[in-house]
Amino acid sequence: MYADQTFNLDSNDASMFAIKNDAAAFEQYFKQHFASLCTWCQHKYEFDSDIAKEVVHTAFIKLWKVRATLPPEMPIKAFLHKVISNTSLDILRHAKVRERFQHFVQQRNENAGPPTPQENYDSKKLQDDIDTAISELPEQMRTIFELSRYEGLKYAEIARQLNVSVNTVETQMGRALKKLRIRLAAYLSSGYFIIMIINNIII
């Protein structure tokens, strides 16, 4: 029942003013809502309990860090809900990158025999570097890139989903590809088989 359910915002949600100015109020709010937010996150995104807890902890940490810049009228749960959703989607998209890479390596190994220790090292390093390179992109750029490459959406579909122009999507994709080519240049310049998975991502 959680998968299609939007988290209900309490009409009596604690004020942002109290959270901003009172660490005790923040701690009390955390204790009151942490478990329910974890349950919602776990069921909506099909995470195990440990991942859901980590995501919700991340949301509360971000709330604490930026609390001074948030408008007093902003509902706290609305802010937490947004951060939890964005973080969860990032986790799911990065999981797709790992699955795609692992599938590629598995196919390659079936055709070419067991990998050497060096190949194992290089493939693990490549996976880590791909994840890091994508995570370092600015938020909107990263979202557009992932929707295009890993969700398979067309530019017009991405534009509608994010409420931006198609030109913005095209520009952000171009910049993302340029940044990733620079970040992963060492792999692109090699003749090693892993260049193929890189090409599928950034060419």
C-alpha atoms as a PDB file:
ATOM      1  CA  MET A   1       0.000   0.000   0.000  1.00  0.00           C
ATOM      2  CA  TYR A   2       2.993   2.293   0.471  1.00  0.00           C
ATOM      3  CA  ALA A   3       4.268   2.126  -3.106  1.00  0.00           C
ATOM      4  CA  ASP A   4       1.632   4.485  -4.502  1.00  0.00           C
ATOM      5  CA  GLN A   5       1.046   6.477  -1.352  1.00  0.00           C
ATOM      6  CA  THR A   6       2.325  10.007  -0.829  1.00  0.00           C
ATOM      7  CA  PHE A   7       3.595  10.652   2.668  1.00  0.00           C
ATOM      8  CA  ASN A   8       0.934  12.492   4.642  1.00  0.00           C
ATOM      9  CA  LEU A   9       1.974  15.871   5.975  1.00  0.00           C
ATOM     10  CA  ASP A  10       0.736  16.575   9.473  1.00  0.00           C
ATOM     11  CA  SER A  11      -1.300  19.730   9.827  1.00  0.00           C
ATOM     12  CA  ASN A  12       0.345  20.088  13.247  1.00  0.00           C
ATOM     13  CA  ASP A  13       3.862  19.678  11.892  1.00  0.00           C
ATOM     14  CA  ALA A  14       6.455  21.288  14.158  1.00  0.00           C
ATOM     15  CA  SER A  15       7.458  24.756  13.052  1.00  0.00           C
ATOM     16  CA  MET A  16      10.669  25.317  11.128  1.00  0.00           C
ATOM     17  CA  PHE A  17      11.330  28.177  13.542  1.00  0.00           C
ATOM     18  CA  ALA A  18      11.516  25.758  16.485  1.00  0.00           C
ATOM     19  CA  ILE A  19      13.789  23.373  14.615  1.00  0.00           C
ATOM     20  CA  LYS A  20      16.102  26.204  13.592  1.00  0.00           C
ATOM     21  CA  ASN A  21      16.575  27.556  17.070  1.00  0.00           C
ATOM     22  CA  ASP A  22      16.311  24.615  19.432  1.00  0.00           C
ATOM     23  CA  ALA A  23      18.439  21.458  19.201  1.00  0.00           C
ATOM     24  CA  ALA A  24      16.160  19.757  21.711  1.00  0.00           C
ATOM     25  CA  ALA A  25      13.146  20.399  19.477  1.00  0.00           C
ATOM     26  CA  PHE A  26      15.041  18.932  16.533  1.00  0.00           C
ATOM     27  CA  GLU A  27      15.933  15.818  18.533  1.00  0.00           C
ATOM     28  CA  GLN A  28      12.345  15.399  19.675  1.00  0.00           C
ATOM     29  CA  TYR A  29      11.079  15.728  16.116  1.00  0.00           C
ATOM     30  CA  PHE A  30      13.649  13.162  14.969  1.00  0.00           C
ATOM     31  CA  LYS A  31      12.560  10.634  17.611  1.00  0.00           C
ATOM     32  CA  GLN A  32       8.870  11.136  16.814  1.00  0.00           C
ATOM     33  CA  HIS A  33       9.126  10.714  13.037  1.00  0.00           C
ATOM     34  CA  PHE A  34      12.229   8.643  12.268  1.00  0.00           C
ATOM     35  CA  ALA A  35      10.551   5.225  12.428  1.00  0.00           C
ATOM     36  CA  SER A  36       7.540   6.185  10.292  1.00  0.00           C
ATOM     37  CA  LEU A  37       9.765   7.814   7.669  1.00  0.00           C
ATOM     38  CA  CYS A  38      11.926   4.678   7.553  1.00  0.00           C
ATOM     39  CA  THR A  39       8.868   2.485   7.056  1.00  0.00           C
ATOM     40  CA  TRP A  40       7.604   4.719   4.254  1.00  0.00           C
ATOM     41  CA  CYS A  41      10.983   4.809   2.535  1.00  0.00           C
ATOM     42  CA  GLN A  42      11.514   1.065   2.855  1.00  0.00           C
ATOM     43  CA  HIS A  43       8.174   0.141   1.299  1.00  0.00           C
ATOM     44  CA  LYS A  44       8.030   2.825  -1.374  1.00  0.00           C
ATOM     45  CA  TYR A  45      11.498   2.116  -2.781  1.00  0.00           C
ATOM     46  CA  GLU A  46      11.693  -1.571  -1.804  1.00  0.00           C
ATOM     47  CA  PHE A  47      14.831  -1.098   0.282  1.00  0.00           C
ATOM     48  CA  ASP A  48      15.900  -3.255   3.171  1.00  0.00           C
ATOM     49  CA  SER A  49      15.592  -1.672   6.596  1.00  0.00           C
ATOM     50  CA  ASP A  50      19.273  -0.734   6.869  1.00  0.00           C
ATOM     51  CA  ILE A  51      19.285   1.228   3.597  1.00  0.00           C
ATOM     52  CA  ALA A  52      16.003   2.947   4.502  1.00  0.00           C
ATOM     53  CA  LYS A  53      17.455   4.005   7.869  1.00  0.00           C
ATOM     54  CA  GLU A  54      20.574   5.351   6.173  1.00  0.00           C
ATOM     55  CA  VAL A  55      18.482   7.368   3.714  1.00  0.00           C
ATOM     56  CA  VAL A  56      16.320   8.877   6.447  1.00  0.00           C
ATOM     57  CA  HIS A  57      19.392   9.665   8.567  1.00  0.00           C
ATOM     58  CA  THR A  58      20.844  11.461   5.538  1.00  0.00           C
ATOM     59  CA  ALA A  59      17.664  13.521   5.193  1.00  0.00           C
ATOM     60  CA  PHE A  60      17.749  14.604   8.840  1.00  0.00           C
ATOM     61  CA  ILE A  61      21.438  15.477   8.589  1.00  0.00           C
ATOM     62  CA  LYS A  62      20.717  17.664   5.570  1.00  0.00           C
ATOM     63  CA  LEU A  63      17.788  19.283   7.381  1.00  0.00           C
ATOM     64  CA  TRP A  64      20.060  20.164  10.294  1.00  0.00           C
ATOM     65  CA  LYS A  65      22.758  21.567   8.007  1.00  0.00           C
ATOM     66  CA  VAL A  66      20.470  23.813   5.952  1.00  0.00           C
ATOM     67  CA  ARG A  67      17.837  24.627   8.578  1.00  0.00           C
ATOM     68  CA  ALA A  68      18.984  28.260   8.860  1.00  0.00           C
ATOM     69  CA  THR A  69      18.326  28.881   5.152  1.00  0.00           C
ATOM     70  CA  LEU A  70      14.846  27.321   4.987  1.00  0.00           C
ATOM     71  CA  PRO A  71      11.717  29.511   5.157  1.00  0.00           C
ATOM     72  CA  PRO A  72       9.880  29.308   8.505  1.00  0.00           C
ATOM     73  CA  GLU A  73       6.621  28.365   6.765  1.00  0.00           C
ATOM     74  CA  MET A  74       8.074  25.284   5.062  1.00  0.00           C
ATOM     75  CA  PRO A  75       6.574  22.025   6.434  1.00  0.00           C
ATOM     76  CA  ILE A  76       9.416  19.921   7.789  1.00  0.00           C
ATOM     77  CA  LYS A  77       7.983  16.662   6.503  1.00  0.00           C
ATOM     78  CA  ALA A  78       7.710  18.114   3.008  1.00  0.00           C
ATOM     79  CA  PHE A  79      11.418  18.910   3.077  1.00  0.00           C
ATOM     80  CA  LEU A  80      12.329  15.477   4.465  1.00  0.00           C
ATOM     81  CA  HIS A  81      10.062  13.751   1.960  1.00  0.00           C
ATOM     82  CA  LYS A  82      11.812  15.501  -0.932  1.00  0.00           C
ATOM     83  CA  VAL A  83      15.317  14.688   0.308  1.00  0.00           C
ATOM     84  CA  ILE A  84      14.399  11.053   0.987  1.00  0.00           C
ATOM     85  CA  SER A  85      12.887  10.697  -2.484  1.00  0.00           C
ATOM     86  CA  ASN A  86      15.876  12.287  -4.245  1.00  0.00           C
ATOM     87  CA  THR A  87      18.381  10.211  -2.279  1.00  0.00           C
ATOM     88  CA  SER A  88      16.447   6.999  -2.905  1.00  0.00           C
ATOM     89  CA  LEU A  89      16.223   7.643  -6.645  1.00  0.00           C
ATOM     90  CA  ASP A  90      19.964   8.286  -6.754  1.00  0.00           C
ATOM     91  CA  ILE A  91      20.576   4.943  -5.048  1.00  0.00           C
ATOM     92  CA  LEU A  92      18.323   3.121  -7.493  1.00  0.00           C
ATOM     93  CA  ARG A  93      19.931   4.764 -10.522  1.00  0.00           C
ATOM     94  CA  HIS A  94      23.427   3.987  -9.323  1.00  0.00           C
ATOM     95  CA  ALA A  95      22.341   0.382  -8.740  1.00  0.00           C
ATOM     96  CA  LYS A  96      21.374   0.240 -12.421  1.00  0.00           C
ATOM     97  CA  VAL A  97      24.869   1.388 -13.369  1.00  0.00           C
ATOM     98  CA  ARG A  98      26.397  -1.387 -11.285  1.00  0.00           C
ATOM     99  CA  GLU A  99      24.023  -4.016 -12.678  1.00  0.00           C
ATOM    100  CA  ARG A 100      24.732  -2.944 -16.238  1.00  0.00           C
ATOM    101  CA  PHE A 101      28.472  -3.090 -15.677  1.00  0.00           C
ATOM    102  CA  GLN A 102      28.323  -6.448 -13.897  1.00  0.00           C
ATOM    103  CA  HIS A 103      26.239  -7.903 -16.733  1.00  0.00           C
ATOM    104  CA  PHE A 104      28.803  -6.677 -19.241  1.00  0.00           C
ATOM    105  CA  VAL A 105      31.677  -8.223 -17.282  1.00  0.00           C
ATOM    106  CA  GLN A 106      29.781 -11.492 -16.887  1.00  0.00           C
ATOM    107  CA  GLN A 107      29.161 -11.722 -20.634  1.00  0.00           C
ATOM    108  CA  ARG A 108      32.771 -10.902 -21.357  1.00  0.00           C
ATOM    109  CA  ASN A 109      34.001 -13.543 -18.917  1.00  0.00           C
ATOM    110  CA  GLU A 110      31.733 -16.202 -20.409  1.00  0.00           C
ATOM    111  CA  ASN A 111      33.227 -15.520 -23.829  1.00  0.00           C
ATOM    112  CA  ALA A 112      36.842 -15.061 -22.810  1.00  0.00           C
ATOM    113  CA  GLY A 113      37.339 -17.261 -19.779  1.00  0.00           C
ATOM    114  CA  PRO A 114      38.032 -16.303 -16.146  1.00  0.00           C
ATOM    115  CA  PRO A 115      39.340 -12.766 -15.603  1.00  0.00           C
ATOM    116  CA  THR A 116      42.894 -12.225 -14.504  1.00  0.00           C
ATOM    117  CA  PRO A 117      43.613 -10.566 -11.129  1.00  0.00           C
ATOM    118  CA  GLN A 118      44.494  -7.386 -13.012  1.00  0.00           C
ATOM    119  CA  GLU A 119      41.187  -7.472 -14.886  1.00  0.00           C
ATOM    120  CA  ASN A 120      39.325  -7.952 -11.600  1.00  0.00           C
ATOM    121  CA  TYR A 121      41.118  -4.958 -10.125  1.00  0.00           C
ATOM    122  CA  ASP A 122      40.507  -2.803 -13.212  1.00  0.00           C
ATOM    123  CA  SER A 123      36.815  -3.687 -13.421  1.00  0.00           C
ATOM    124  CA  LYS A 124      36.248  -2.861  -9.736  1.00  0.00           C
ATOM    125  CA  LYS A 125      38.112   0.414 -10.103  1.00  0.00           C
ATOM    126  CA  LEU A 126      36.125   1.281 -13.215  1.00  0.00           C
ATOM    127  CA  GLN A 127      32.838   0.641 -11.444  1.00  0.00           C
ATOM    128  CA  ASP A 128      33.871   2.852  -8.536  1.00  0.00           C
ATOM    129  CA  ASP A 129      35.104   5.599 -10.861  1.00  0.00           C
ATOM    130  CA  ILE A 130      31.891   5.567 -12.911  1.00  0.00           C
ATOM    131  CA  ASP A 131      29.770   5.899  -9.759  1.00  0.00           C
ATOM    132  CA  THR A 132      31.993   8.692  -8.427  1.00  0.00           C
ATOM    133  CA  ALA A 133      32.093  10.588 -11.724  1.00  0.00           C
ATOM    134  CA  ILE A 134      28.303  10.553 -12.054  1.00  0.00           C
ATOM    135  CA  SER A 135      27.748  11.502  -8.403  1.00  0.00           C
ATOM    136  CA  GLU A 136      30.020  14.536  -8.836  1.00  0.00           C
ATOM    137  CA  LEU A 137      27.828  16.046 -11.558  1.00  0.00           C
ATOM    138  CA  PRO A 138      25.620  18.979 -10.463  1.00  0.00           C
ATOM    139  CA  GLU A 139      22.211  17.749  -9.279  1.00  0.00           C
ATOM    140  CA  GLN A 140      20.094  18.768 -12.294  1.00  0.00           C
ATOM    141  CA  MET A 141      22.782  17.650 -14.738  1.00  0.00           C
ATOM    142  CA  ARG A 142      23.108  14.290 -12.999  1.00  0.00           C
ATOM    143  CA  THR A 143      19.356  13.745 -12.993  1.00  0.00           C
ATOM    144  CA  ILE A 144      19.072  14.553 -16.708  1.00  0.00           C
ATOM    145  CA  PHE A 145      22.012  12.285 -17.543  1.00  0.00           C
ATOM    146  CA  GLU A 146      20.633   9.361 -15.560  1.00  0.00           C
ATOM    147  CA  LEU A 147      17.117   9.734 -16.967  1.00  0.00           C
ATOM    148  CA  SER A 148      18.586   9.673 -20.472  1.00  0.00           C
ATOM    149  CA  ARG A 149      21.200   6.935 -20.114  1.00  0.00           C
ATOM    150  CA  TYR A 150      19.666   4.628 -17.506  1.00  0.00           C
ATOM    151  CA  GLU A 151      15.932   5.254 -17.807  1.00  0.00           C
ATOM    152  CA  GLY A 152      16.049   5.519 -21.605  1.00  0.00           C
ATOM    153  CA  LEU A 153      13.892   8.665 -21.716  1.00  0.00           C
ATOM    154  CA  LYS A 154      13.924  10.964 -24.726  1.00  0.00           C
ATOM    155  CA  TYR A 155      14.908  14.597 -24.239  1.00  0.00           C
ATOM    156  CA  ALA A 156      11.307  15.770 -24.607  1.00  0.00           C
ATOM    157  CA  GLU A 157      10.160  13.287 -21.961  1.00  0.00           C
ATOM    158  CA  ILE A 158      12.873  14.449 -19.579  1.00  0.00           C
ATOM    159  CA  ALA A 159      11.935  18.076 -20.207  1.00  0.00           C
ATOM    160  CA  ARG A 160       8.297  17.379 -19.329  1.00  0.00           C
ATOM    161  CA  GLN A 161       9.193  15.373 -16.237  1.00  0.00           C
ATOM    162  CA  LEU A 162      11.541  18.050 -14.872  1.00  0.00           C
ATOM    163  CA  ASN A 163       9.502  21.010 -16.135  1.00  0.00           C
ATOM    164  CA  VAL A 164      12.399  22.459 -18.125  1.00  0.00           C
ATOM    165  CA  SER A 165      12.930  23.195 -21.802  1.00  0.00           C
ATOM    166  CA  VAL A 166      14.244  20.627 -24.264  1.00  0.00           C
ATOM    167  CA  ASN A 167      17.108  23.026 -24.945  1.00  0.00           C
ATOM    168  CA  THR A 168      18.036  22.897 -21.255  1.00  0.00           C
ATOM    169  CA  VAL A 169      18.077  19.103 -21.365  1.00  0.00           C
ATOM    170  CA  GLU A 170      20.282  19.101 -24.476  1.00  0.00           C
ATOM    171  CA  THR A 171      22.678  21.630 -22.959  1.00  0.00           C
ATOM    172  CA  GLN A 172      22.939  19.792 -19.638  1.00  0.00           C
ATOM    173  CA  MET A 173      23.497  16.445 -21.379  1.00  0.00           C
ATOM    174  CA  GLY A 174      26.263  17.928 -23.507  1.00  0.00           C
ATOM    175  CA  ARG A 175      27.981  19.337 -20.438  1.00  0.00           C
ATOM    176  CA  ALA A 176      27.550  16.073 -18.530  1.00  0.00           C
ATOM    177  CA  LEU A 177      29.129  14.041 -21.332  1.00  0.00           C
ATOM    178  CA  LYS A 178      32.033  16.465 -21.558  1.00  0.00           C
ATOM    179  CA  LYS A 179      32.659  16.285 -17.810  1.00  0.00           C
ATOM    180  CA  LEU A 180      32.500  12.485 -17.811  1.00  0.00           C
ATOM    181  CA  ARG A 181      34.843  12.178 -20.781  1.00  0.00           C
ATOM    182  CA  ILE A 182      37.386  14.309 -18.924  1.00  0.00           C
ATOM    183  CA  ARG A 183      36.848  12.464 -15.627  1.00  0.00           C
ATOM    184  CA  LEU A 184      37.197   9.018 -17.275  1.00  0.00           C
ATOM    185  CA  ALA A 185      39.839   9.981 -19.832  1.00  0.00           C
ATOM    186  CA  ALA A 186      42.309   7.383 -18.557  1.00  0.00           C
ATOM    187  CA  TYR A 187      39.950   4.581 -19.544  1.00  0.00           C
ATOM    188  CA  LEU A 188      39.056   6.094 -22.905  1.00  0.00           C
ATOM    189  CA  SER A 189      42.709   6.289 -23.885  1.00  0.00           C
ATOM    190  CA  SER A 190      43.360   2.629 -23.127  1.00  0.00           C
ATOM    191  CA  GLY A 191      42.845  -0.336 -25.398  1.00  0.00           C
ATOM    192  CA  TYR A 192      41.424  -2.438 -22.603  1.00  0.00           C
ATOM    193  CA  PHE A 193      38.040  -4.123 -22.988  1.00  0.00           C
ATOM    194  CA  ILE A 194      36.388  -1.923 -20.343  1.00  0.00           C
ATOM    195  CA  ILE A 195      36.434   0.962 -22.804  1.00  0.00           C
ATOM    196  CA  MET A 196      33.310  -0.624 -24.287  1.00  0.00           C
ATOM    197  CA  ILE A 197      31.175  -0.082 -21.192  1.00  0.00           C
ATOM    198  CA  ILE A 198      32.485   3.484 -20.898  1.00  0.00           C
ATOM    199  CA  ASN A 199      31.525   4.157 -24.508  1.00  0.00           C
ATOM    200  CA  ASN A 200      27.990   2.910 -23.806  1.00  0.00           C
ATOM    201  CA  ILE A 201      27.702   5.485 -21.046  1.00  0.00           C
ATOM    202  CA  ILE A 202      29.401   8.649 -22.305  1.00  0.00           C
ATOM    203  CA  ILE A 203      29.538   8.496 -26.101  1.00  0.00           C
END
